[in-house]
């Protein structure tokens, strides 16, 4: 496991006597030697810069697709990579679930606002709602595009240690301050989530039971106090973190990540596979360039 730039000990000190769990963002992801699951493809050993550029290129190409068979083929391609790299579908499904509210909102509103052929009439009180077939088709296409992007992001995050991704961003010319901001922000999200979990445990220990909704007066008051306390504790913890960083010799410069080496030929081949797959799906789309050439 790699140590962070500000020392081998945790950069997130708690109060005196408090033991704060630290999420290992630099450890080996599941599915690689030392992790969980079996591995059939050495995708985790591919240079992080190649994976980052290749998957971003794939996302750019895949999110421009309009035909649902091509979008489904892209999802199948990413699903095959997720399976063969040993990362599994559980973590990817959890990331897809995060986007389900947005997908549900698109499925609910796009049929109402997209012009097209009426498909269904629904009477809601004095209103007559008309659902258009084109709206459902647009919602399905946008949902499949979102699934392609999220699965590609899951493949990148589940096969690359966090430190390697940050070093890849620095090597690709991303400003050091921006990379450091991303690194610290993600770490602090986990710290804040752990603080909230401890506060919820304390509420249960005091026999607190939530009402049926936030409109319940006691529930609203209690969670308001919890939210305010969480903000105060987060601010106090950020002050302790800053003092700890200064104590470890931080002078405001960029964090030092592991040095990078030139990508190998096999790494570049993986990048070509990722971008090439997205390009092939784009070319084979009905009405695309390939069909225009073949029709001549």
C-alpha atoms as a PDB file:
ATOM      1  CA  UNK A   1       0.000   0.000   0.000  1.00  0.00           C
ATOM      2  CA  UNK A   2       1.278   3.434  -0.877  1.00  0.00           C
ATOM      3  CA  UNK A   3       1.666   6.036   1.812  1.00  0.00           C
ATOM      4  CA  UNK A   4       0.234   9.455   1.164  1.00  0.00           C
ATOM      5  CA  UNK A   5       2.302  12.527   0.419  1.00  0.00           C
ATOM      6  CA  UNK A   6       1.991  13.931   3.938  1.00  0.00           C
ATOM      7  CA  UNK A   7       3.326  10.967   5.846  1.00  0.00           C
ATOM      8  CA  UNK A   8       2.711   7.306   6.529  1.00  0.00           C
ATOM      9  CA  UNK A   9       0.244   7.933   9.316  1.00  0.00           C
ATOM     10  CA  UNK A  10      -3.332   8.955   8.680  1.00  0.00           C
ATOM     11  CA  UNK A  11      -3.812  12.579   7.626  1.00  0.00           C
ATOM     12  CA  UNK A  12      -7.215  12.553   9.309  1.00  0.00           C
ATOM     13  CA  UNK A  13      -6.613  12.881  13.071  1.00  0.00           C
ATOM     14  CA  UNK A  14      -9.630  12.801  15.302  1.00  0.00           C
ATOM     15  CA  UNK A  15     -10.186  14.085  18.784  1.00  0.00           C
ATOM     16  CA  UNK A  16      -7.960  12.939  21.582  1.00  0.00           C
ATOM     17  CA  UNK A  17      -8.490   9.267  22.217  1.00  0.00           C
ATOM     18  CA  UNK A  18     -10.693   8.932  19.144  1.00  0.00           C
ATOM     19  CA  UNK A  19      -9.856   6.253  16.626  1.00  0.00           C
ATOM     20  CA  UNK A  20     -11.028   7.311  13.198  1.00  0.00           C
ATOM     21  CA  UNK A  21     -11.333   4.615  10.518  1.00  0.00           C
ATOM     22  CA  UNK A  22      -9.511   5.576   7.340  1.00  0.00           C
ATOM     23  CA  UNK A  23     -10.645   4.352   3.946  1.00  0.00           C
ATOM     24  CA  UNK A  24      -7.755   2.966   1.931  1.00  0.00           C
ATOM     25  CA  UNK A  25      -7.940   4.770  -1.403  1.00  0.00           C
ATOM     26  CA  UNK A  26      -4.496   3.646  -2.505  1.00  0.00           C
ATOM     27  CA  UNK A  27      -4.884  -0.069  -1.925  1.00  0.00           C
ATOM     28  CA  UNK A  28      -5.383  -2.688  -4.584  1.00  0.00           C
ATOM     29  CA  UNK A  29      -8.915  -2.748  -5.957  1.00  0.00           C
ATOM     30  CA  UNK A  30     -10.973  -5.953  -5.711  1.00  0.00           C
ATOM     31  CA  UNK A  31     -10.374  -8.556  -8.333  1.00  0.00           C
ATOM     32  CA  UNK A  32      -6.572  -8.215  -8.566  1.00  0.00           C
ATOM     33  CA  UNK A  33      -4.036 -10.416  -6.798  1.00  0.00           C
ATOM     34  CA  UNK A  34      -4.570  -9.865  -3.119  1.00  0.00           C
ATOM     35  CA  UNK A  35      -8.176  -8.750  -3.711  1.00  0.00           C
ATOM     36  CA  UNK A  36     -11.444 -10.564  -4.259  1.00  0.00           C
ATOM     37  CA  UNK A  37     -12.672 -12.478  -7.254  1.00  0.00           C
ATOM     38  CA  UNK A  38     -10.982 -14.219 -10.157  1.00  0.00           C
ATOM     39  CA  UNK A  39      -9.069 -12.483 -12.911  1.00  0.00           C
ATOM     40  CA  UNK A  40      -9.102 -13.534 -16.553  1.00  0.00           C
ATOM     41  CA  UNK A  41      -7.792 -10.281 -18.082  1.00  0.00           C
ATOM     42  CA  UNK A  42      -4.793  -8.286 -16.760  1.00  0.00           C
ATOM     43  CA  UNK A  43      -6.682  -5.014 -17.183  1.00  0.00           C
ATOM     44  CA  UNK A  44      -5.700  -3.885 -13.693  1.00  0.00           C
ATOM     45  CA  UNK A  45      -2.023  -3.816 -14.779  1.00  0.00           C
ATOM     46  CA  UNK A  46      -2.680  -1.452 -17.686  1.00  0.00           C
ATOM     47  CA  UNK A  47      -1.168   2.010 -17.298  1.00  0.00           C
ATOM     48  CA  UNK A  48      -3.671   4.268 -15.548  1.00  0.00           C
ATOM     49  CA  UNK A  49      -3.111   7.037 -18.115  1.00  0.00           C
ATOM     50  CA  UNK A  50      -4.040   4.687 -20.952  1.00  0.00           C
ATOM     51  CA  UNK A  51      -7.158   3.502 -19.131  1.00  0.00           C
ATOM     52  CA  UNK A  52      -8.162   7.068 -18.317  1.00  0.00           C
ATOM     53  CA  UNK A  53      -7.754   8.379 -21.869  1.00  0.00           C
ATOM     54  CA  UNK A  54      -9.172   5.216 -23.457  1.00  0.00           C
ATOM     55  CA  UNK A  55     -12.302   5.088 -21.320  1.00  0.00           C
ATOM     56  CA  UNK A  56     -12.915   8.833 -21.657  1.00  0.00           C
ATOM     57  CA  UNK A  57     -12.647   8.407 -25.424  1.00  0.00           C
ATOM     58  CA  UNK A  58     -15.070   5.490 -25.270  1.00  0.00           C
ATOM     59  CA  UNK A  59     -17.528   7.541 -23.196  1.00  0.00           C
ATOM     60  CA  UNK A  60     -17.367  10.438 -25.675  1.00  0.00           C
ATOM     61  CA  UNK A  61     -18.102   8.102 -28.593  1.00  0.00           C
ATOM     62  CA  UNK A  62     -20.711   5.938 -26.837  1.00  0.00           C
ATOM     63  CA  UNK A  63     -22.722   8.822 -25.432  1.00  0.00           C
ATOM     64  CA  UNK A  64     -23.191  10.113 -28.981  1.00  0.00           C
ATOM     65  CA  UNK A  65     -24.930   6.921 -30.133  1.00  0.00           C
ATOM     66  CA  UNK A  66     -28.610   7.067 -31.008  1.00  0.00           C
ATOM     67  CA  UNK A  67     -29.459   3.471 -31.922  1.00  0.00           C
ATOM     68  CA  UNK A  68     -30.387   1.337 -28.925  1.00  0.00           C
ATOM     69  CA  UNK A  69     -28.850  -1.899 -30.374  1.00  0.00           C
ATOM     70  CA  UNK A  70     -25.454  -0.178 -30.511  1.00  0.00           C
ATOM     71  CA  UNK A  71     -25.902   1.176 -26.992  1.00  0.00           C
ATOM     72  CA  UNK A  72     -26.794  -2.299 -25.731  1.00  0.00           C
ATOM     73  CA  UNK A  73     -23.729  -3.691 -27.514  1.00  0.00           C
ATOM     74  CA  UNK A  74     -21.589  -1.124 -25.684  1.00  0.00           C
ATOM     75  CA  UNK A  75     -23.109  -2.148 -22.344  1.00  0.00           C
ATOM     76  CA  UNK A  76     -22.427  -5.803 -23.183  1.00  0.00           C
ATOM     77  CA  UNK A  77     -18.793  -4.958 -24.030  1.00  0.00           C
ATOM     78  CA  UNK A  78     -18.261  -3.159 -20.722  1.00  0.00           C
ATOM     79  CA  UNK A  79     -20.079  -5.908 -18.837  1.00  0.00           C
ATOM     80  CA  UNK A  80     -17.760  -8.489 -20.390  1.00  0.00           C
ATOM     81  CA  UNK A  81     -14.721  -6.481 -19.297  1.00  0.00           C
ATOM     82  CA  UNK A  82     -16.120  -6.108 -15.778  1.00  0.00           C
ATOM     83  CA  UNK A  83     -16.671  -9.860 -15.586  1.00  0.00           C
ATOM     84  CA  UNK A  84     -13.307 -10.898 -17.018  1.00  0.00           C
ATOM     85  CA  UNK A  85     -11.349  -8.458 -14.859  1.00  0.00           C
ATOM     86  CA  UNK A  86     -12.910  -9.956 -11.731  1.00  0.00           C
ATOM     87  CA  UNK A  87     -14.436  -6.743 -10.397  1.00  0.00           C
ATOM     88  CA  UNK A  88     -17.941  -8.180 -10.470  1.00  0.00           C
ATOM     89  CA  UNK A  89     -21.301  -6.597 -11.126  1.00  0.00           C
ATOM     90  CA  UNK A  90     -22.245  -5.744  -7.554  1.00  0.00           C
ATOM     91  CA  UNK A  91     -20.202  -2.549  -7.338  1.00  0.00           C
ATOM     92  CA  UNK A  92     -21.175  -1.541 -10.873  1.00  0.00           C
ATOM     93  CA  UNK A  93     -24.847  -2.101 -10.064  1.00  0.00           C
ATOM     94  CA  UNK A  94     -24.488   0.111  -6.989  1.00  0.00           C
ATOM     95  CA  UNK A  95     -23.163   2.921  -9.175  1.00  0.00           C
ATOM     96  CA  UNK A  96     -26.005   2.420 -11.650  1.00  0.00           C
ATOM     97  CA  UNK A  97     -28.479   2.611  -8.773  1.00  0.00           C
ATOM     98  CA  UNK A  98     -27.190   6.094  -7.945  1.00  0.00           C
ATOM     99  CA  UNK A  99     -28.424   7.279 -11.340  1.00  0.00           C
ATOM    100  CA  UNK A 100     -31.816   5.554 -11.116  1.00  0.00           C
ATOM    101  CA  UNK A 101     -33.628   8.671  -9.760  1.00  0.00           C
ATOM    102  CA  UNK A 102     -32.452  10.710 -12.752  1.00  0.00           C
ATOM    103  CA  UNK A 103     -33.408   7.921 -15.154  1.00  0.00           C
ATOM    104  CA  UNK A 104     -36.836   7.684 -13.528  1.00  0.00           C
ATOM    105  CA  UNK A 105     -37.322  11.442 -13.841  1.00  0.00           C
ATOM    106  CA  UNK A 106     -36.452  11.304 -17.545  1.00  0.00           C
ATOM    107  CA  UNK A 107     -38.872   8.429 -18.079  1.00  0.00           C
ATOM    108  CA  UNK A 108     -41.581  10.383 -16.283  1.00  0.00           C
ATOM    109  CA  UNK A 109     -41.204  13.824 -17.853  1.00  0.00           C
ATOM    110  CA  UNK A 110     -39.768  13.329 -21.358  1.00  0.00           C
ATOM    111  CA  UNK A 111     -42.902  11.594 -22.729  1.00  0.00           C
ATOM    112  CA  UNK A 112     -44.874  14.640 -21.576  1.00  0.00           C
ATOM    113  CA  UNK A 113     -42.680  17.378 -23.052  1.00  0.00           C
ATOM    114  CA  UNK A 114     -41.257  15.740 -26.199  1.00  0.00           C
ATOM    115  CA  UNK A 115     -43.292  16.477 -29.328  1.00  0.00           C
ATOM    116  CA  UNK A 116     -44.361  13.457 -31.333  1.00  0.00           C
ATOM    117  CA  UNK A 117     -47.111  10.940 -31.910  1.00  0.00           C
ATOM    118  CA  UNK A 118     -49.553  10.491 -28.996  1.00  0.00           C
ATOM    119  CA  UNK A 119     -49.274   7.061 -27.428  1.00  0.00           C
ATOM    120  CA  UNK A 120     -51.303   7.215 -24.230  1.00  0.00           C
ATOM    121  CA  UNK A 121     -53.781   9.619 -22.614  1.00  0.00           C
ATOM    122  CA  UNK A 122     -53.953   9.896 -18.832  1.00  0.00           C
ATOM    123  CA  UNK A 123     -56.523  11.994 -17.023  1.00  0.00           C
ATOM    124  CA  UNK A 124     -55.306  13.477 -13.743  1.00  0.00           C
ATOM    125  CA  UNK A 125     -58.123  15.542 -12.293  1.00  0.00           C
ATOM    126  CA  UNK A 126     -58.882  18.388 -14.681  1.00  0.00           C
ATOM    127  CA  UNK A 127     -55.713  17.741 -16.739  1.00  0.00           C
ATOM    128  CA  UNK A 128     -55.425  15.450 -19.742  1.00  0.00           C
ATOM    129  CA  UNK A 129     -51.818  14.269 -20.010  1.00  0.00           C
ATOM    130  CA  UNK A 130     -50.600  13.025 -23.385  1.00  0.00           C
ATOM    131  CA  UNK A 131     -47.641  10.628 -23.436  1.00  0.00           C
ATOM    132  CA  UNK A 132     -45.707  10.595 -26.710  1.00  0.00           C
ATOM    133  CA  UNK A 133     -43.904   7.564 -28.086  1.00  0.00           C
ATOM    134  CA  UNK A 134     -40.882   9.660 -29.091  1.00  0.00           C
ATOM    135  CA  UNK A 135     -40.498  10.778 -25.487  1.00  0.00           C
ATOM    136  CA  UNK A 136     -40.204   7.183 -24.263  1.00  0.00           C
ATOM    137  CA  UNK A 137     -37.680   6.422 -26.994  1.00  0.00           C
ATOM    138  CA  UNK A 138     -35.599   9.474 -26.070  1.00  0.00           C
ATOM    139  CA  UNK A 139     -35.688   8.542 -22.372  1.00  0.00           C
ATOM    140  CA  UNK A 140     -34.553   4.992 -23.197  1.00  0.00           C
ATOM    141  CA  UNK A 141     -31.661   6.243 -25.344  1.00  0.00           C
ATOM    142  CA  UNK A 142     -30.520   8.710 -22.669  1.00  0.00           C
ATOM    143  CA  UNK A 143     -30.753   5.992 -20.010  1.00  0.00           C
ATOM    144  CA  UNK A 144     -28.607   3.617 -22.088  1.00  0.00           C
ATOM    145  CA  UNK A 145     -26.060   6.371 -22.696  1.00  0.00           C
ATOM    146  CA  UNK A 146     -25.908   7.006 -18.967  1.00  0.00           C
ATOM    147  CA  UNK A 147     -25.429   3.292 -18.297  1.00  0.00           C
ATOM    148  CA  UNK A 148     -22.499   3.172 -20.736  1.00  0.00           C
ATOM    149  CA  UNK A 149     -20.812   6.138 -19.058  1.00  0.00           C
ATOM    150  CA  UNK A 150     -21.334   4.812 -15.526  1.00  0.00           C
ATOM    151  CA  UNK A 151     -20.103   1.304 -16.380  1.00  0.00           C
ATOM    152  CA  UNK A 152     -16.988   2.773 -18.004  1.00  0.00           C
ATOM    153  CA  UNK A 153     -16.356   4.849 -14.876  1.00  0.00           C
ATOM    154  CA  UNK A 154     -16.900   1.760 -12.701  1.00  0.00           C
ATOM    155  CA  UNK A 155     -14.383  -0.188 -14.781  1.00  0.00           C
ATOM    156  CA  UNK A 156     -11.823   2.588 -14.362  1.00  0.00           C
ATOM    157  CA  UNK A 157     -12.306   3.049 -10.613  1.00  0.00           C
ATOM    158  CA  UNK A 158     -12.494  -0.670  -9.773  1.00  0.00           C
ATOM    159  CA  UNK A 159      -9.291  -1.586 -11.630  1.00  0.00           C
ATOM    160  CA  UNK A 160      -7.095   1.395 -10.722  1.00  0.00           C
ATOM    161  CA  UNK A 161      -5.739   2.402  -7.299  1.00  0.00           C
ATOM    162  CA  UNK A 162      -6.706   5.951  -6.439  1.00  0.00           C
ATOM    163  CA  UNK A 163      -3.085   7.098  -6.192  1.00  0.00           C
ATOM    164  CA  UNK A 164      -2.382   5.837  -9.713  1.00  0.00           C
ATOM    165  CA  UNK A 165      -5.340   7.815 -11.069  1.00  0.00           C
ATOM    166  CA  UNK A 166      -4.137  10.991  -9.376  1.00  0.00           C
ATOM    167  CA  UNK A 167      -0.616  10.435 -10.726  1.00  0.00           C
ATOM    168  CA  UNK A 168      -2.115   9.829 -14.182  1.00  0.00           C
ATOM    169  CA  UNK A 169      -3.972  13.135 -14.045  1.00  0.00           C
ATOM    170  CA  UNK A 170      -0.777  14.962 -13.086  1.00  0.00           C
ATOM    171  CA  UNK A 171       1.149  13.218 -15.868  1.00  0.00           C
ATOM    172  CA  UNK A 172      -1.521  14.234 -18.401  1.00  0.00           C
ATOM    173  CA  UNK A 173      -1.072  17.884 -17.504  1.00  0.00           C
ATOM    174  CA  UNK A 174      -3.988  18.484 -15.143  1.00  0.00           C
ATOM    175  CA  UNK A 175      -3.070  21.355 -12.762  1.00  0.00           C
ATOM    176  CA  UNK A 176      -1.607  20.149  -9.479  1.00  0.00           C
ATOM    177  CA  UNK A 177      -3.998  22.249  -7.397  1.00  0.00           C
ATOM    178  CA  UNK A 178      -7.005  20.685  -9.136  1.00  0.00           C
ATOM    179  CA  UNK A 179      -5.681  17.135  -8.663  1.00  0.00           C
ATOM    180  CA  UNK A 180      -4.970  17.790  -4.998  1.00  0.00           C
ATOM    181  CA  UNK A 181      -8.464  19.246  -4.560  1.00  0.00           C
ATOM    182  CA  UNK A 182     -10.028  16.084  -6.022  1.00  0.00           C
ATOM    183  CA  UNK A 183      -7.877  13.859  -3.805  1.00  0.00           C
ATOM    184  CA  UNK A 184      -8.602  15.693  -0.556  1.00  0.00           C
ATOM    185  CA  UNK A 185     -12.307  16.152  -1.352  1.00  0.00           C
ATOM    186  CA  UNK A 186     -12.909  12.450  -1.910  1.00  0.00           C
ATOM    187  CA  UNK A 187     -11.031  11.540   1.250  1.00  0.00           C
ATOM    188  CA  UNK A 188     -13.039  14.038   3.269  1.00  0.00           C
ATOM    189  CA  UNK A 189     -16.328  12.664   1.888  1.00  0.00           C
ATOM    190  CA  UNK A 190     -15.519   9.295   3.461  1.00  0.00           C
ATOM    191  CA  UNK A 191     -14.510  10.952   6.722  1.00  0.00           C
ATOM    192  CA  UNK A 192     -17.766  12.934   6.873  1.00  0.00           C
ATOM    193  CA  UNK A 193     -19.791   9.834   6.022  1.00  0.00           C
ATOM    194  CA  UNK A 194     -18.116   7.989   8.896  1.00  0.00           C
ATOM    195  CA  UNK A 195     -18.939  10.853  11.256  1.00  0.00           C
ATOM    196  CA  UNK A 196     -22.588  10.746  10.180  1.00  0.00           C
ATOM    197  CA  UNK A 197     -22.699   6.974  10.698  1.00  0.00           C
ATOM    198  CA  UNK A 198     -21.435   7.382  14.270  1.00  0.00           C
ATOM    199  CA  UNK A 199     -24.044  10.062  14.950  1.00  0.00           C
ATOM    200  CA  UNK A 200     -26.799   7.778  13.640  1.00  0.00           C
ATOM    201  CA  UNK A 201     -25.534   5.010  15.928  1.00  0.00           C
ATOM    202  CA  UNK A 202     -25.691   7.437  18.854  1.00  0.00           C
ATOM    203  CA  UNK A 203     -29.296   8.290  17.945  1.00  0.00           C
ATOM    204  CA  UNK A 204     -30.238   4.610  17.933  1.00  0.00           C
ATOM    205  CA  UNK A 205     -28.537   4.143  21.301  1.00  0.00           C
ATOM    206  CA  UNK A 206     -30.815   6.899  22.626  1.00  0.00           C
ATOM    207  CA  UNK A 207     -33.874   5.042  21.284  1.00  0.00           C
ATOM    208  CA  UNK A 208     -34.627   7.638  18.598  1.00  0.00           C
ATOM    209  CA  UNK A 209     -37.209   6.542  16.039  1.00  0.00           C
ATOM    210  CA  UNK A 210     -37.874   8.541  12.909  1.00  0.00           C
ATOM    211  CA  UNK A 211     -41.397   9.511  11.999  1.00  0.00           C
ATOM    212  CA  UNK A 212     -43.006   8.523   8.757  1.00  0.00           C
ATOM    213  CA  UNK A 213     -41.628  11.635   7.039  1.00  0.00           C
ATOM    214  CA  UNK A 214     -39.501  14.713   7.673  1.00  0.00           C
ATOM    215  CA  UNK A 215     -42.733  16.651   8.236  1.00  0.00           C
ATOM    216  CA  UNK A 216     -42.993  14.938  11.618  1.00  0.00           C
ATOM    217  CA  UNK A 217     -42.049  17.690  14.089  1.00  0.00           C
ATOM    218  CA  UNK A 218     -39.754  15.668  16.368  1.00  0.00           C
ATOM    219  CA  UNK A 219     -38.062  13.996  13.403  1.00  0.00           C
ATOM    220  CA  UNK A 220     -37.531  17.318  11.639  1.00  0.00           C
ATOM    221  CA  UNK A 221     -36.127  18.910  14.800  1.00  0.00           C
ATOM    222  CA  UNK A 222     -33.788  16.000  15.568  1.00  0.00           C
ATOM    223  CA  UNK A 223     -32.376  15.716  12.060  1.00  0.00           C
ATOM    224  CA  UNK A 224     -31.967  19.487  11.920  1.00  0.00           C
ATOM    225  CA  UNK A 225     -29.830  19.316  15.051  1.00  0.00           C
ATOM    226  CA  UNK A 226     -27.869  16.380  13.611  1.00  0.00           C
ATOM    227  CA  UNK A 227     -27.201  18.307  10.393  1.00  0.00           C
ATOM    228  CA  UNK A 228     -26.004  21.380  12.273  1.00  0.00           C
ATOM    229  CA  UNK A 229     -23.789  19.301  14.546  1.00  0.00           C
ATOM    230  CA  UNK A 230     -22.350  17.498  11.523  1.00  0.00           C
ATOM    231  CA  UNK A 231     -21.382  20.804   9.910  1.00  0.00           C
ATOM    232  CA  UNK A 232     -19.719  21.992  13.123  1.00  0.00           C
ATOM    233  CA  UNK A 233     -17.813  18.732  13.605  1.00  0.00           C
ATOM    234  CA  UNK A 234     -16.746  18.741   9.951  1.00  0.00           C
ATOM    235  CA  UNK A 235     -15.405  22.272  10.283  1.00  0.00           C
ATOM    236  CA  UNK A 236     -13.529  21.395  13.496  1.00  0.00           C
ATOM    237  CA  UNK A 237     -12.122  18.262  11.885  1.00  0.00           C
ATOM    238  CA  UNK A 238     -10.978  20.243   8.846  1.00  0.00           C
ATOM    239  CA  UNK A 239      -9.056  22.548  11.182  1.00  0.00           C
ATOM    240  CA  UNK A 240      -7.375  19.544  12.822  1.00  0.00           C
ATOM    241  CA  UNK A 241      -6.587  18.076   9.412  1.00  0.00           C
ATOM    242  CA  UNK A 242      -4.992  21.331   8.290  1.00  0.00           C
ATOM    243  CA  UNK A 243      -2.876  21.533  11.454  1.00  0.00           C
ATOM    244  CA  UNK A 244      -1.817  17.908  10.971  1.00  0.00           C
ATOM    245  CA  UNK A 245      -0.797  18.626   7.381  1.00  0.00           C
ATOM    246  CA  UNK A 246       1.302  21.571   8.539  1.00  0.00           C
ATOM    247  CA  UNK A 247       2.880  19.398  11.240  1.00  0.00           C
ATOM    248  CA  UNK A 248       3.877  16.883   8.545  1.00  0.00           C
ATOM    249  CA  UNK A 249       5.747  19.548   6.616  1.00  0.00           C
ATOM    250  CA  UNK A 250       3.203  20.645   4.041  1.00  0.00           C
ATOM    251  CA  UNK A 251       4.116  24.088   2.718  1.00  0.00           C
ATOM    252  CA  UNK A 252       1.245  24.540   0.282  1.00  0.00           C
ATOM    253  CA  UNK A 253       2.885  22.815  -2.673  1.00  0.00           C
ATOM    254  CA  UNK A 254       1.384  19.969  -4.699  1.00  0.00           C
ATOM    255  CA  UNK A 255       1.263  16.481  -3.243  1.00  0.00           C
ATOM    256  CA  UNK A 256       3.983  14.105  -4.419  1.00  0.00           C
ATOM    257  CA  UNK A 257       2.513  11.084  -6.182  1.00  0.00           C
ATOM    258  CA  UNK A 258       4.318   8.007  -7.360  1.00  0.00           C
ATOM    259  CA  UNK A 259       6.542   8.607 -10.407  1.00  0.00           C
ATOM    260  CA  UNK A 260       5.145   7.367 -13.701  1.00  0.00           C
ATOM    261  CA  UNK A 261       6.917   5.452 -16.446  1.00  0.00           C
ATOM    262  CA  UNK A 262       6.211   5.427 -20.188  1.00  0.00           C
ATOM    263  CA  UNK A 263       3.307   3.115 -21.124  1.00  0.00           C
ATOM    264  CA  UNK A 264       4.171  -0.233 -22.653  1.00  0.00           C
ATOM    265  CA  UNK A 265       3.010  -1.528 -26.007  1.00  0.00           C
ATOM    266  CA  UNK A 266       0.445  -3.798 -24.385  1.00  0.00           C
ATOM    267  CA  UNK A 267      -1.005  -0.851 -22.496  1.00  0.00           C
ATOM    268  CA  UNK A 268      -1.380   1.147 -25.711  1.00  0.00           C
ATOM    269  CA  UNK A 269      -3.078  -1.854 -27.323  1.00  0.00           C
ATOM    270  CA  UNK A 270      -5.703  -1.807 -24.560  1.00  0.00           C
ATOM    271  CA  UNK A 271      -6.268   1.878 -25.193  1.00  0.00           C
ATOM    272  CA  UNK A 272      -6.810   1.168 -28.882  1.00  0.00           C
ATOM    273  CA  UNK A 273      -9.298  -1.580 -27.999  1.00  0.00           C
ATOM    274  CA  UNK A 274     -11.346   0.794 -25.834  1.00  0.00           C
ATOM    275  CA  UNK A 275     -11.385   3.696 -28.278  1.00  0.00           C
ATOM    276  CA  UNK A 276     -11.700   1.366 -31.274  1.00  0.00           C
ATOM    277  CA  UNK A 277     -14.769  -0.332 -29.829  1.00  0.00           C
ATOM    278  CA  UNK A 278     -16.492   3.002 -29.334  1.00  0.00           C
ATOM    279  CA  UNK A 279     -15.494   4.085 -32.848  1.00  0.00           C
ATOM    280  CA  UNK A 280     -16.801   0.853 -34.397  1.00  0.00           C
ATOM    281  CA  UNK A 281     -20.126   1.238 -32.614  1.00  0.00           C
ATOM    282  CA  UNK A 282     -20.311   4.803 -33.904  1.00  0.00           C
ATOM    283  CA  UNK A 283     -19.469   3.810 -37.482  1.00  0.00           C
ATOM    284  CA  UNK A 284     -21.936   0.910 -37.540  1.00  0.00           C
ATOM    285  CA  UNK A 285     -24.803   3.009 -36.271  1.00  0.00           C
ATOM    286  CA  UNK A 286     -27.708   3.059 -38.777  1.00  0.00           C
ATOM    287  CA  UNK A 287     -27.264   6.103 -40.965  1.00  0.00           C
ATOM    288  CA  UNK A 288     -23.622   6.491 -39.909  1.00  0.00           C
ATOM    289  CA  UNK A 289     -20.506   6.860 -42.014  1.00  0.00           C
ATOM    290  CA  UNK A 290     -20.032   3.141 -42.651  1.00  0.00           C
ATOM    291  CA  UNK A 291     -23.555   2.723 -44.032  1.00  0.00           C
ATOM    292  CA  UNK A 292     -23.127   5.793 -46.228  1.00  0.00           C
ATOM    293  CA  UNK A 293     -19.926   4.330 -47.699  1.00  0.00           C
ATOM    294  CA  UNK A 294     -21.401   0.841 -48.225  1.00  0.00           C
ATOM    295  CA  UNK A 295     -24.491   2.218 -49.920  1.00  0.00           C
ATOM    296  CA  UNK A 296     -22.407   3.735 -52.717  1.00  0.00           C
END
